[in-house]
PDB file of N, CA and C in Angstrom:
ATOM      1  N   MET A   1      46.506 -35.872 -80.545  1.00  0.00           N
ATOM      2  CA  MET A   1      47.730 -35.468 -79.962  1.00  0.00           C
ATOM      3  C   MET A   1      47.434 -34.469 -78.846  1.00  0.00           C
ATOM      4  N   GLU A   2      48.039 -34.711 -77.667  1.00  0.00           N
ATOM      5  CA  GLU A   2      47.802 -33.857 -76.521  1.00  0.00           C
ATOM      6  C   GLU A   2      49.020 -32.990 -76.255  1.00  0.00           C
ATOM      7  N   ILE A   3      48.734 -31.734 -75.949  1.00  0.00           N
ATOM      8  CA  ILE A   3      49.799 -30.807 -75.584  1.00  0.00           C
ATOM      9  C   ILE A   3      49.737 -30.659 -74.068  1.00  0.00           C
ATOM     10  N   GLY A   4      50.877 -30.766 -73.393  1.00  0.00           N
ATOM     11  CA  GLY A   4      50.913 -30.748 -71.924  1.00  0.00           C
ATOM     12  C   GLY A   4      50.974 -29.341 -71.350  1.00  0.00           C
ATOM     13  N   ILE A   5      49.981 -28.534 -71.633  1.00  0.00           N
ATOM     14  CA  ILE A   5      49.911 -27.185 -71.085  1.00  0.00           C
ATOM     15  C   ILE A   5      48.920 -27.200 -69.930  1.00  0.00           C
ATOM     16  N   LYS A   6      49.414 -26.752 -68.774  1.00  0.00           N
ATOM     17  CA  LYS A   6      48.526 -26.687 -67.615  1.00  0.00           C
ATOM     18  C   LYS A   6      47.945 -25.286 -67.541  1.00  0.00           C
ATOM     19  N   THR A   7      46.684 -25.226 -67.376  1.00  0.00           N
ATOM     20  CA  THR A   7      46.011 -23.932 -67.239  1.00  0.00           C
ATOM     21  C   THR A   7      45.377 -23.859 -65.857  1.00  0.00           C
ATOM     22  N   ARG A   8      45.353 -22.659 -65.341  1.00  0.00           N
ATOM     23  CA  ARG A   8      44.688 -22.441 -64.054  1.00  0.00           C
ATOM     24  C   ARG A   8      43.209 -22.233 -64.307  1.00  0.00           C
ATOM     25  N   LYS A   9      42.454 -22.872 -63.485  1.00  0.00           N
ATOM     26  CA  LYS A   9      41.019 -22.729 -63.654  1.00  0.00           C
ATOM     27  C   LYS A   9      40.545 -21.388 -63.122  1.00  0.00           C
ATOM     28  N   ASP A  10      41.070 -20.979 -61.951  1.00  0.00           N
ATOM     29  CA  ASP A  10      40.659 -19.680 -61.436  1.00  0.00           C
ATOM     30  C   ASP A  10      41.755 -18.678 -61.784  1.00  0.00           C
ATOM     31  N   LYS A  11      41.391 -17.608 -62.396  1.00  0.00           N
ATOM     32  CA  LYS A  11      42.347 -16.616 -62.867  1.00  0.00           C
ATOM     33  C   LYS A  11      42.842 -15.695 -61.748  1.00  0.00           C
ATOM     34  N   GLY A  12      42.198 -15.661 -60.585  1.00  0.00           N
ATOM     35  CA  GLY A  12      42.596 -14.808 -59.467  1.00  0.00           C
ATOM     36  C   GLY A  12      43.715 -15.453 -58.659  1.00  0.00           C
ATOM     37  N   THR A  13      44.046 -14.839 -57.540  1.00  0.00           N
ATOM     38  CA  THR A  13      45.092 -15.392 -56.681  1.00  0.00           C
ATOM     39  C   THR A  13      44.480 -16.383 -55.711  1.00  0.00           C
ATOM     40  N   ASN A  14      45.217 -17.379 -55.409  1.00  0.00           N
ATOM     41  CA  ASN A  14      44.750 -18.367 -54.455  1.00  0.00           C
ATOM     42  C   ASN A  14      45.162 -17.888 -53.060  1.00  0.00           C
ATOM     43  N   ARG A  15      44.202 -17.489 -52.267  1.00  0.00           N
ATOM     44  CA  ARG A  15      44.464 -16.866 -50.974  1.00  0.00           C
ATOM     45  C   ARG A  15      45.157 -17.831 -50.009  1.00  0.00           C
ATOM     46  N   ALA A  16      44.778 -19.057 -49.985  1.00  0.00           N
ATOM     47  CA  ALA A  16      45.376 -20.030 -49.070  1.00  0.00           C
ATOM     48  C   ALA A  16      46.854 -20.240 -49.403  1.00  0.00           C
ATOM     49  N   THR A  17      47.178 -20.315 -50.677  1.00  0.00           N
ATOM     50  CA  THR A  17      48.575 -20.484 -51.091  1.00  0.00           C
ATOM     51  C   THR A  17      49.396 -19.259 -50.715  1.00  0.00           C
ATOM     52  N   PHE A  18      48.820 -18.089 -50.874  1.00  0.00           N
ATOM     53  CA  PHE A  18      49.528 -16.850 -50.533  1.00  0.00           C
ATOM     54  C   PHE A  18      49.809 -16.785 -49.034  1.00  0.00           C
ATOM     55  N   VAL A  19      48.810 -17.075 -48.220  1.00  0.00           N
ATOM     56  CA  VAL A  19      48.978 -17.041 -46.766  1.00  0.00           C
ATOM     57  C   VAL A  19      49.992 -18.096 -46.333  1.00  0.00           C
ATOM     58  N   GLU A  20      49.923 -19.256 -46.950  1.00  0.00           N
ATOM     59  CA  GLU A  20      50.855 -20.331 -46.614  1.00  0.00           C
ATOM     60  C   GLU A  20      52.296 -19.951 -46.967  1.00  0.00           C
ATOM     61  N   SER A  21      52.489 -19.343 -48.118  1.00  0.00           N
ATOM     62  CA  SER A  21      53.842 -18.937 -48.506  1.00  0.00           C
ATOM     63  C   SER A  21      54.344 -17.783 -47.629  1.00  0.00           C
ATOM     64  N   LEU A  22      53.448 -16.888 -47.240  1.00  0.00           N
ATOM     65  CA  LEU A  22      53.832 -15.793 -46.355  1.00  0.00           C
ATOM     66  C   LEU A  22      54.231 -16.331 -44.978  1.00  0.00           C
ATOM     67  N   ALA A  23      53.484 -17.277 -44.446  1.00  0.00           N
ATOM     68  CA  ALA A  23      53.810 -17.886 -43.155  1.00  0.00           C
ATOM     69  C   ALA A  23      55.131 -18.644 -43.233  1.00  0.00           C
ATOM     70  N   SER A  24      55.363 -19.316 -44.332  1.00  0.00           N
ATOM     71  CA  SER A  24      56.619 -20.041 -44.515  1.00  0.00           C
ATOM     72  C   SER A  24      57.799 -19.073 -44.562  1.00  0.00           C
ATOM     73  N   PHE A  25      57.625 -17.969 -45.277  1.00  0.00           N
ATOM     74  CA  PHE A  25      58.678 -16.945 -45.347  1.00  0.00           C
ATOM     75  C   PHE A  25      58.962 -16.376 -43.962  1.00  0.00           C
ATOM     76  N   TRP A  26      57.914 -16.118 -43.186  1.00  0.00           N
ATOM     77  CA  TRP A  26      58.080 -15.561 -41.838  1.00  0.00           C
ATOM     78  C   TRP A  26      58.818 -16.553 -40.932  1.00  0.00           C
ATOM     79  N   ASN A  27      58.441 -17.829 -40.982  1.00  0.00           N
ATOM     80  CA  ASN A  27      59.088 -18.829 -40.134  1.00  0.00           C
ATOM     81  C   ASN A  27      60.557 -19.009 -40.482  1.00  0.00           C
ATOM     82  N   LYS A  28      60.892 -18.872 -41.748  1.00  0.00           N
ATOM     83  CA  LYS A  28      62.286 -19.044 -42.162  1.00  0.00           C
ATOM     84  C   LYS A  28      63.147 -17.835 -41.803  1.00  0.00           C
ATOM     85  N   GLY A  29      62.583 -16.630 -41.835  1.00  0.00           N
ATOM     86  CA  GLY A  29      63.438 -15.462 -41.718  1.00  0.00           C
ATOM     87  C   GLY A  29      63.039 -14.418 -40.709  1.00  0.00           C
ATOM     88  N   TYR A  30      62.260 -14.756 -39.690  1.00  0.00           N
ATOM     89  CA  TYR A  30      61.821 -13.714 -38.750  1.00  0.00           C
ATOM     90  C   TYR A  30      62.977 -13.158 -37.929  1.00  0.00           C
ATOM     91  N   LYS A  31      63.984 -13.982 -37.634  1.00  0.00           N
ATOM     92  CA  LYS A  31      65.132 -13.482 -36.873  1.00  0.00           C
ATOM     93  C   LYS A  31      65.921 -12.461 -37.693  1.00  0.00           C
ATOM     94  N   ILE A  32      66.090 -12.746 -38.957  1.00  0.00           N
ATOM     95  CA  ILE A  32      66.814 -11.820 -39.835  1.00  0.00           C
ATOM     96  C   ILE A  32      66.016 -10.531 -40.009  1.00  0.00           C
ATOM     97  N   ILE A  33      64.702 -10.650 -40.116  1.00  0.00           N
ATOM     98  CA  ILE A  33      63.852  -9.466 -40.271  1.00  0.00           C
ATOM     99  C   ILE A  33      63.962  -8.585 -39.026  1.00  0.00           C
ATOM    100  N   PHE A  34      63.900  -9.186 -37.839  1.00  0.00           N
ATOM    101  CA  PHE A  34      64.031  -8.410 -36.605  1.00  0.00           C
ATOM    102  C   PHE A  34      65.422  -7.790 -36.473  1.00  0.00           C
ATOM    103  N   ALA A  35      66.456  -8.532 -36.868  1.00  0.00           N
ATOM    104  CA  ALA A  35      67.819  -7.998 -36.797  1.00  0.00           C
ATOM    105  C   ALA A  35      67.977  -6.806 -37.737  1.00  0.00           C
ATOM    106  N   LEU A  36      67.446  -6.908 -38.946  1.00  0.00           N
ATOM    107  CA  LEU A  36      67.522  -5.790 -39.891  1.00  0.00           C
ATOM    108  C   LEU A  36      66.733  -4.589 -39.381  1.00  0.00           C
ATOM    109  N   PHE A  37      65.567  -4.841 -38.801  1.00  0.00           N
ATOM    110  CA  PHE A  37      64.767  -3.757 -38.235  1.00  0.00           C
ATOM    111  C   PHE A  37      65.513  -3.082 -37.088  1.00  0.00           C
ATOM    112  N   LEU A  38      66.140  -3.879 -36.220  1.00  0.00           N
ATOM    113  CA  LEU A  38      66.910  -3.330 -35.107  1.00  0.00           C
ATOM    114  C   LEU A  38      68.074  -2.483 -35.618  1.00  0.00           C
ATOM    115  N   LEU A  39      68.797  -2.972 -36.609  1.00  0.00           N
ATOM    116  CA  LEU A  39      69.908  -2.209 -37.178  1.00  0.00           C
ATOM    117  C   LEU A  39      69.422  -0.917 -37.819  1.00  0.00           C
ATOM    118  N   ALA A  40      68.277  -0.971 -38.485  1.00  0.00           N
ATOM    119  CA  ALA A  40      67.726   0.240 -39.102  1.00  0.00           C
ATOM    120  C   ALA A  40      67.350   1.267 -38.036  1.00  0.00           C
ATOM    121  N   MET A  41      66.753   0.831 -36.931  1.00  0.00           N
ATOM    122  CA  MET A  41      66.384   1.757 -35.863  1.00  0.00           C
ATOM    123  C   MET A  41      67.620   2.339 -35.173  1.00  0.00           C
ATOM    124  N   ILE A  42      68.646   1.518 -34.970  1.00  0.00           N
ATOM    125  CA  ILE A  42      69.891   2.026 -34.379  1.00  0.00           C
ATOM    126  C   ILE A  42      70.527   3.048 -35.310  1.00  0.00           C
ATOM    127  N   GLY A  43      70.536   2.759 -36.597  1.00  0.00           N
ATOM    128  CA  GLY A  43      71.091   3.703 -37.569  1.00  0.00           C
ATOM    129  C   GLY A  43      70.315   5.007 -37.608  1.00  0.00           C
ATOM    130  N   ALA A  44      68.995   4.923 -37.581  1.00  0.00           N
ATOM    131  CA  ALA A  44      68.177   6.141 -37.592  1.00  0.00           C
ATOM    132  C   ALA A  44      68.404   6.952 -36.318  1.00  0.00           C
ATOM    133  N   GLY A  45      68.492   6.287 -35.182  1.00  0.00           N
ATOM    134  CA  GLY A  45      68.759   6.988 -33.929  1.00  0.00           C
ATOM    135  C   GLY A  45      70.122   7.651 -33.925  1.00  0.00           C
ATOM    136  N   ALA A  46      71.126   6.964 -34.451  1.00  0.00           N
ATOM    137  CA  ALA A  46      72.471   7.544 -34.521  1.00  0.00           C
ATOM    138  C   ALA A  46      72.487   8.756 -35.443  1.00  0.00           C
ATOM    139  N   TYR A  47      71.754   8.679 -36.544  1.00  0.00           N
ATOM    140  CA  TYR A  47      71.705   9.807 -37.478  1.00  0.00           C
ATOM    141  C   TYR A  47      71.040  11.025 -36.830  1.00  0.00           C
ATOM    142  N   VAL A  48      69.935  10.811 -36.150  1.00  0.00           N
ATOM    143  CA  VAL A  48      69.233  11.918 -35.487  1.00  0.00           C
ATOM    144  C   VAL A  48      70.108  12.507 -34.387  1.00  0.00           C
ATOM    145  N   TRP A  49      70.789  11.660 -33.640  1.00  0.00           N
ATOM    146  CA  TRP A  49      71.676  12.120 -32.580  1.00  0.00           C
ATOM    147  C   TRP A  49      72.824  12.937 -33.160  1.00  0.00           C
ATOM    148  N   TYR A  50      73.443  12.432 -34.226  1.00  0.00           N
ATOM    149  CA  TYR A  50      74.545  13.146 -34.870  1.00  0.00           C
ATOM    150  C   TYR A  50      74.072  14.502 -35.382  1.00  0.00           C
ATOM    151  N   ARG A  51      72.905  14.512 -36.017  1.00  0.00           N
ATOM    152  CA  ARG A  51      72.390  15.763 -36.582  1.00  0.00           C
ATOM    153  C   ARG A  51      72.094  16.788 -35.503  1.00  0.00           C
ATOM    154  N   SER A  52      71.571  16.326 -34.369  1.00  0.00           N
ATOM    155  CA  SER A  52      71.254  17.279 -33.302  1.00  0.00           C
ATOM    156  C   SER A  52      72.515  17.823 -32.640  1.00  0.00           C
ATOM    157  N   LEU A  53      73.598  17.044 -32.638  1.00  0.00           N
ATOM    158  CA  LEU A  53      74.832  17.497 -32.004  1.00  0.00           C
ATOM    159  C   LEU A  53      75.706  18.340 -32.924  1.00  0.00           C
ATOM    160  N   TYR A  54      75.873  17.906 -34.162  1.00  0.00           N
ATOM    161  CA  TYR A  54      76.882  18.507 -35.024  1.00  0.00           C
ATOM    162  C   TYR A  54      76.328  19.310 -36.189  1.00  0.00           C
ATOM    163  N   ALA A  55      75.049  19.300 -36.391  1.00  0.00           N
ATOM    164  CA  ALA A  55      74.475  20.066 -37.495  1.00  0.00           C
ATOM    165  C   ALA A  55      73.295  20.883 -36.984  1.00  0.00           C
ATOM    166  N   PRO A  56      73.572  21.951 -36.211  1.00  0.00           N
ATOM    167  CA  PRO A  56      72.457  22.740 -35.671  1.00  0.00           C
ATOM    168  C   PRO A  56      71.687  23.443 -36.781  1.00  0.00           C
ATOM    169  N   ALA A  57      70.419  23.670 -36.525  1.00  0.00           N
ATOM    170  CA  ALA A  57      69.554  24.269 -37.543  1.00  0.00           C
ATOM    171  C   ALA A  57      69.597  25.791 -37.504  1.00  0.00           C
ATOM    172  N   TRP A  58      70.094  26.384 -36.431  1.00  0.00           N
ATOM    173  CA  TRP A  58      70.105  27.840 -36.301  1.00  0.00           C
ATOM    174  C   TRP A  58      71.425  28.409 -36.804  1.00  0.00           C
ATOM    175  N   ASN A  59      71.335  29.548 -37.474  1.00  0.00           N
ATOM    176  CA  ASN A  59      72.558  30.248 -37.866  1.00  0.00           C
ATOM    177  C   ASN A  59      72.950  31.214 -36.746  1.00  0.00           C
ATOM    178  N   ASP A  60      74.050  31.950 -36.941  1.00  0.00           N
ATOM    179  CA  ASP A  60      74.556  32.825 -35.876  1.00  0.00           C
ATOM    180  C   ASP A  60      73.596  33.958 -35.541  1.00  0.00           C
ATOM    181  N   GLN A  61      72.900  34.469 -36.547  1.00  0.00           N
ATOM    182  CA  GLN A  61      71.965  35.573 -36.307  1.00  0.00           C
ATOM    183  C   GLN A  61      70.786  35.102 -35.455  1.00  0.00           C
ATOM    184  N   GLU A  62      70.245  33.927 -35.758  1.00  0.00           N
ATOM    185  CA  GLU A  62      69.126  33.400 -34.969  1.00  0.00           C
ATOM    186  C   GLU A  62      69.562  33.110 -33.527  1.00  0.00           C
ATOM    187  N   LYS A  63      70.787  32.604 -33.349  1.00  0.00           N
ATOM    188  CA  LYS A  63      71.295  32.353 -32.000  1.00  0.00           C
ATOM    189  C   LYS A  63      71.413  33.652 -31.209  1.00  0.00           C
ATOM    190  N   ALA A  64      71.938  34.705 -31.856  1.00  0.00           N
ATOM    191  CA  ALA A  64      72.089  35.998 -31.176  1.00  0.00           C
ATOM    192  C   ALA A  64      70.733  36.582 -30.803  1.00  0.00           C
ATOM    193  N   THR A  65      69.751  36.449 -31.691  1.00  0.00           N
ATOM    194  CA  THR A  65      68.399  36.941 -31.410  1.00  0.00           C
ATOM    195  C   THR A  65      67.798  36.197 -30.217  1.00  0.00           C
ATOM    196  N   TYR A  66      67.970  34.890 -30.181  1.00  0.00           N
ATOM    197  CA  TYR A  66      67.440  34.083 -29.074  1.00  0.00           C
ATOM    198  C   TYR A  66      68.098  34.477 -27.753  1.00  0.00           C
ATOM    199  N   ARG A  67      69.418  34.628 -27.749  1.00  0.00           N
ATOM    200  CA  ARG A  67      70.120  35.014 -26.522  1.00  0.00           C
ATOM    201  C   ARG A  67      69.674  36.390 -26.036  1.00  0.00           C
ATOM    202  N   ALA A  68      69.514  37.332 -26.969  1.00  0.00           N
ATOM    203  CA  ALA A  68      69.082  38.681 -26.581  1.00  0.00           C
ATOM    204  C   ALA A  68      67.683  38.646 -25.978  1.00  0.00           C
ATOM    205  N   MET A  69      66.800  37.834 -26.567  1.00  0.00           N
ATOM    206  CA  MET A  69      65.437  37.725 -26.062  1.00  0.00           C
ATOM    207  C   MET A  69      65.433  37.104 -24.656  1.00  0.00           C
ATOM    208  N   LYS A  70      66.233  36.066 -24.440  1.00  0.00           N
ATOM    209  CA  LYS A  70      66.281  35.414 -23.133  1.00  0.00           C
ATOM    210  C   LYS A  70      66.927  36.317 -22.085  1.00  0.00           C
ATOM    211  N   ASP A  71      67.975  37.046 -22.460  1.00  0.00           N
ATOM    212  CA  ASP A  71      68.647  37.924 -21.502  1.00  0.00           C
ATOM    213  C   ASP A  71      67.763  39.091 -21.085  1.00  0.00           C
ATOM    214  N   SER A  72      66.929  39.574 -21.993  1.00  0.00           N
ATOM    215  CA  SER A  72      66.063  40.702 -21.649  1.00  0.00           C
ATOM    216  C   SER A  72      64.951  40.284 -20.692  1.00  0.00           C
ATOM    217  N   GLY A  73      64.608  39.017 -20.660  1.00  0.00           N
ATOM    218  CA  GLY A  73      63.539  38.536 -19.792  1.00  0.00           C
ATOM    219  C   GLY A  73      63.986  38.278 -18.368  1.00  0.00           C
ATOM    220  N   ILE A  74      65.294  38.289 -18.123  1.00  0.00           N
ATOM    221  CA  ILE A  74      65.808  38.001 -16.787  1.00  0.00           C
ATOM    222  C   ILE A  74      65.974  39.305 -16.019  1.00  0.00           C
ATOM    223  N   SER A  75      65.384  39.370 -14.835  1.00  0.00           N
ATOM    224  CA  SER A  75      65.548  40.550 -13.984  1.00  0.00           C
ATOM    225  C   SER A  75      65.900  40.076 -12.575  1.00  0.00           C
ATOM    226  N   PHE A  76      66.815  40.786 -11.941  1.00  0.00           N
ATOM    227  CA  PHE A  76      67.279  40.428 -10.605  1.00  0.00           C
ATOM    228  C   PHE A  76      66.497  41.229  -9.575  1.00  0.00           C
ATOM    229  N   ASP A  77      65.766  40.531  -8.737  1.00  0.00           N
ATOM    230  CA  ASP A  77      64.990  41.168  -7.677  1.00  0.00           C
ATOM    231  C   ASP A  77      65.872  41.247  -6.429  1.00  0.00           C
ATOM    232  N   GLU A  78      66.478  42.411  -6.233  1.00  0.00           N
ATOM    233  CA  GLU A  78      67.446  42.578  -5.152  1.00  0.00           C
ATOM    234  C   GLU A  78      66.785  42.512  -3.781  1.00  0.00           C
ATOM    235  N   GLU A  79      65.563  42.999  -3.661  1.00  0.00           N
ATOM    236  CA  GLU A  79      64.871  42.963  -2.367  1.00  0.00           C
ATOM    237  C   GLU A  79      64.599  41.531  -1.920  1.00  0.00           C
ATOM    238  N   ALA A  80      64.120  40.702  -2.845  1.00  0.00           N
ATOM    239  CA  ALA A  80      63.837  39.310  -2.499  1.00  0.00           C
ATOM    240  C   ALA A  80      65.127  38.572  -2.149  1.00  0.00           C
ATOM    241  N   PHE A  81      66.200  38.883  -2.880  1.00  0.00           N
ATOM    242  CA  PHE A  81      67.485  38.256  -2.586  1.00  0.00           C
ATOM    243  C   PHE A  81      67.992  38.669  -1.203  1.00  0.00           C
ATOM    244  N   SER A  82      67.885  39.941  -0.892  1.00  0.00           N
ATOM    245  CA  SER A  82      68.323  40.431   0.423  1.00  0.00           C
ATOM    246  C   SER A  82      67.515  39.786   1.545  1.00  0.00           C
ATOM    247  N   GLU A  83      66.217  39.629   1.331  1.00  0.00           N
ATOM    248  CA  GLU A  83      65.354  38.982   2.320  1.00  0.00           C
ATOM    249  C   GLU A  83      65.777  37.528   2.532  1.00  0.00           C
ATOM    250  N   ALA A  84      66.081  36.828   1.451  1.00  0.00           N
ATOM    251  CA  ALA A  84      66.504  35.434   1.565  1.00  0.00           C
ATOM    252  C   ALA A  84      67.837  35.326   2.299  1.00  0.00           C
ATOM    253  N   VAL A  85      68.772  36.228   1.992  1.00  0.00           N
ATOM    254  CA  VAL A  85      70.066  36.224   2.689  1.00  0.00           C
ATOM    255  C   VAL A  85      69.874  36.513   4.171  1.00  0.00           C
ATOM    256  N   LYS A  86      68.975  37.415   4.495  1.00  0.00           N
ATOM    257  CA  LYS A  86      68.694  37.764   5.892  1.00  0.00           C
ATOM    258  C   LYS A  86      68.152  36.548   6.653  1.00  0.00           C
ATOM    259  N   ILE A  87      67.234  35.824   6.032  1.00  0.00           N
ATOM    260  CA  ILE A  87      66.659  34.628   6.664  1.00  0.00           C
ATOM    261  C   ILE A  87      67.738  33.575   6.889  1.00  0.00           C
ATOM    262  N   VAL A  88      68.610  33.396   5.909  1.00  0.00           N
ATOM    263  CA  VAL A  88      69.690  32.415   6.045  1.00  0.00           C
ATOM    264  C   VAL A  88      70.629  32.808   7.179  1.00  0.00           C
ATOM    265  N   GLU A  89      70.956  34.081   7.276  1.00  0.00           N
ATOM    266  CA  GLU A  89      71.846  34.547   8.347  1.00  0.00           C
ATOM    267  C   GLU A  89      71.198  34.359   9.717  1.00  0.00           C
ATOM    268  N   GLU A  90      69.895  34.605   9.837  1.00  0.00           N
ATOM    269  CA  GLU A  90      69.191  34.395  11.106  1.00  0.00           C
ATOM    270  C   GLU A  90      69.233  32.926  11.513  1.00  0.00           C
ATOM    271  N   ARG A  91      68.993  32.047  10.571  1.00  0.00           N
ATOM    272  CA  ARG A  91      69.035  30.616  10.870  1.00  0.00           C
ATOM    273  C   ARG A  91      70.446  30.183  11.267  1.00  0.00           C
ATOM    274  N   LYS A  92      71.436  30.742  10.597  1.00  0.00           N
ATOM    275  CA  LYS A  92      72.829  30.421  10.906  1.00  0.00           C
ATOM    276  C   LYS A  92      73.185  30.851  12.332  1.00  0.00           C
ATOM    277  N   SER A  93      72.743  32.041  12.725  1.00  0.00           N
ATOM    278  CA  SER A  93      73.036  32.517  14.085  1.00  0.00           C
ATOM    279  C   SER A  93      72.292  31.681  15.124  1.00  0.00           C
ATOM    280  N   GLU A  94      71.061  31.274  14.834  1.00  0.00           N
ATOM    281  CA  GLU A  94      70.312  30.413  15.757  1.00  0.00           C
ATOM    282  C   GLU A  94      71.014  29.070  15.921  1.00  0.00           C
ATOM    283  N   TYR A  95      71.538  28.546  14.851  1.00  0.00           N
ATOM    284  CA  TYR A  95      72.214  27.252  14.909  1.00  0.00           C
ATOM    285  C   TYR A  95      73.525  27.358  15.682  1.00  0.00           C
ATOM    286  N   SER A  96      74.245  28.452  15.485  1.00  0.00           N
ATOM    287  CA  SER A  96      75.540  28.605  16.157  1.00  0.00           C
ATOM    288  C   SER A  96      75.377  28.838  17.662  1.00  0.00           C
ATOM    289  N   GLN A  97      74.244  29.335  18.121  1.00  0.00           N
ATOM    290  CA  GLN A  97      74.002  29.546  19.555  1.00  0.00           C
ATOM    291  C   GLN A  97      73.885  28.220  20.297  1.00  0.00           C
ATOM    292  N   GLY A  98      73.500  27.216  19.634  1.00  0.00           N
ATOM    293  CA  GLY A  98      73.364  25.909  20.266  1.00  0.00           C
ATOM    294  C   GLY A  98      71.956  25.699  20.776  1.00  0.00           C
ATOM    295  N   GLN A  99      71.754  24.514  21.317  1.00  0.00           N
ATOM    296  CA  GLN A  99      70.433  24.164  21.813  1.00  0.00           C
ATOM    297  C   GLN A  99      70.297  24.591  23.263  1.00  0.00           C
ATOM    298  N   GLN A 100      69.159  25.117  23.608  1.00  0.00           N
ATOM    299  CA  GLN A 100      68.913  25.523  24.991  1.00  0.00           C
ATOM    300  C   GLN A 100      68.546  24.288  25.809  1.00  0.00           C
ATOM    301  N   GLU A 101      68.891  24.356  27.075  1.00  0.00           N
ATOM    302  CA  GLU A 101      68.560  23.250  27.964  1.00  0.00           C
ATOM    303  C   GLU A 101      67.044  23.163  28.106  1.00  0.00           C
ATOM    304  N   SER A 102      66.545  21.978  27.963  1.00  0.00           N
ATOM    305  CA  SER A 102      65.111  21.775  28.150  1.00  0.00           C
ATOM    306  C   SER A 102      64.922  20.556  29.048  1.00  0.00           C
ATOM    307  N   ARG A 103      63.787  20.484  29.611  1.00  0.00           N
ATOM    308  CA  ARG A 103      63.499  19.404  30.541  1.00  0.00           C
ATOM    309  C   ARG A 103      63.328  18.103  29.766  1.00  0.00           C
ATOM    310  N   ASP A 104      63.963  17.032  30.262  1.00  0.00           N
ATOM    311  CA  ASP A 104      63.877  15.726  29.629  1.00  0.00           C
ATOM    312  C   ASP A 104      62.562  15.077  30.040  1.00  0.00           C
ATOM    313  N   ILE A 105      61.715  14.794  29.080  1.00  0.00           N
ATOM    314  CA  ILE A 105      60.390  14.257  29.411  1.00  0.00           C
ATOM    315  C   ILE A 105      60.441  12.772  29.752  1.00  0.00           C
ATOM    316  N   PHE A 106      61.556  12.100  29.459  1.00  0.00           N
ATOM    317  CA  PHE A 106      61.647  10.671  29.735  1.00  0.00           C
ATOM    318  C   PHE A 106      62.357  10.373  31.060  1.00  0.00           C
ATOM    319  N   LYS A 107      62.937  11.384  31.674  1.00  0.00           N
ATOM    320  CA  LYS A 107      63.666  11.199  32.923  1.00  0.00           C
ATOM    321  C   LYS A 107      62.712  11.392  34.109  1.00  0.00           C
ATOM    322  N   LYS A 108      62.868  10.556  35.125  1.00  0.00           N
ATOM    323  CA  LYS A 108      62.046  10.684  36.330  1.00  0.00           C
ATOM    324  C   LYS A 108      62.710  11.682  37.254  1.00  0.00           C
ATOM    325  N   TYR A 109      61.952  12.684  37.705  1.00  0.00           N
ATOM    326  CA  TYR A 109      62.475  13.709  38.608  1.00  0.00           C
ATOM    327  C   TYR A 109      61.985  13.477  39.995  1.00  0.00           C
TER     328      TYR A 109
END
């Protein structure tokens, strides 16, 4: 009397069958896999964007400390500003005087 039990001769995994089934799975569903990946990346980007806009990491004390540090580093150099204003005014007066008559190099005299 024979019992119809099939046994595998090799107890390990059959590499060719695994690769074949993986390739078959990829061919059937690569569009869905890419769509899910795209949706996941859009969702992650939206979450990071939302967190950066509406959930700041600094409390009020840290913000005040940062502002005080930045404000103390700013100094107004009045001499350099006055020099720049003077140069601008000189250029403005030169422009308002108009162009001086000069000899036309293309005209025959």
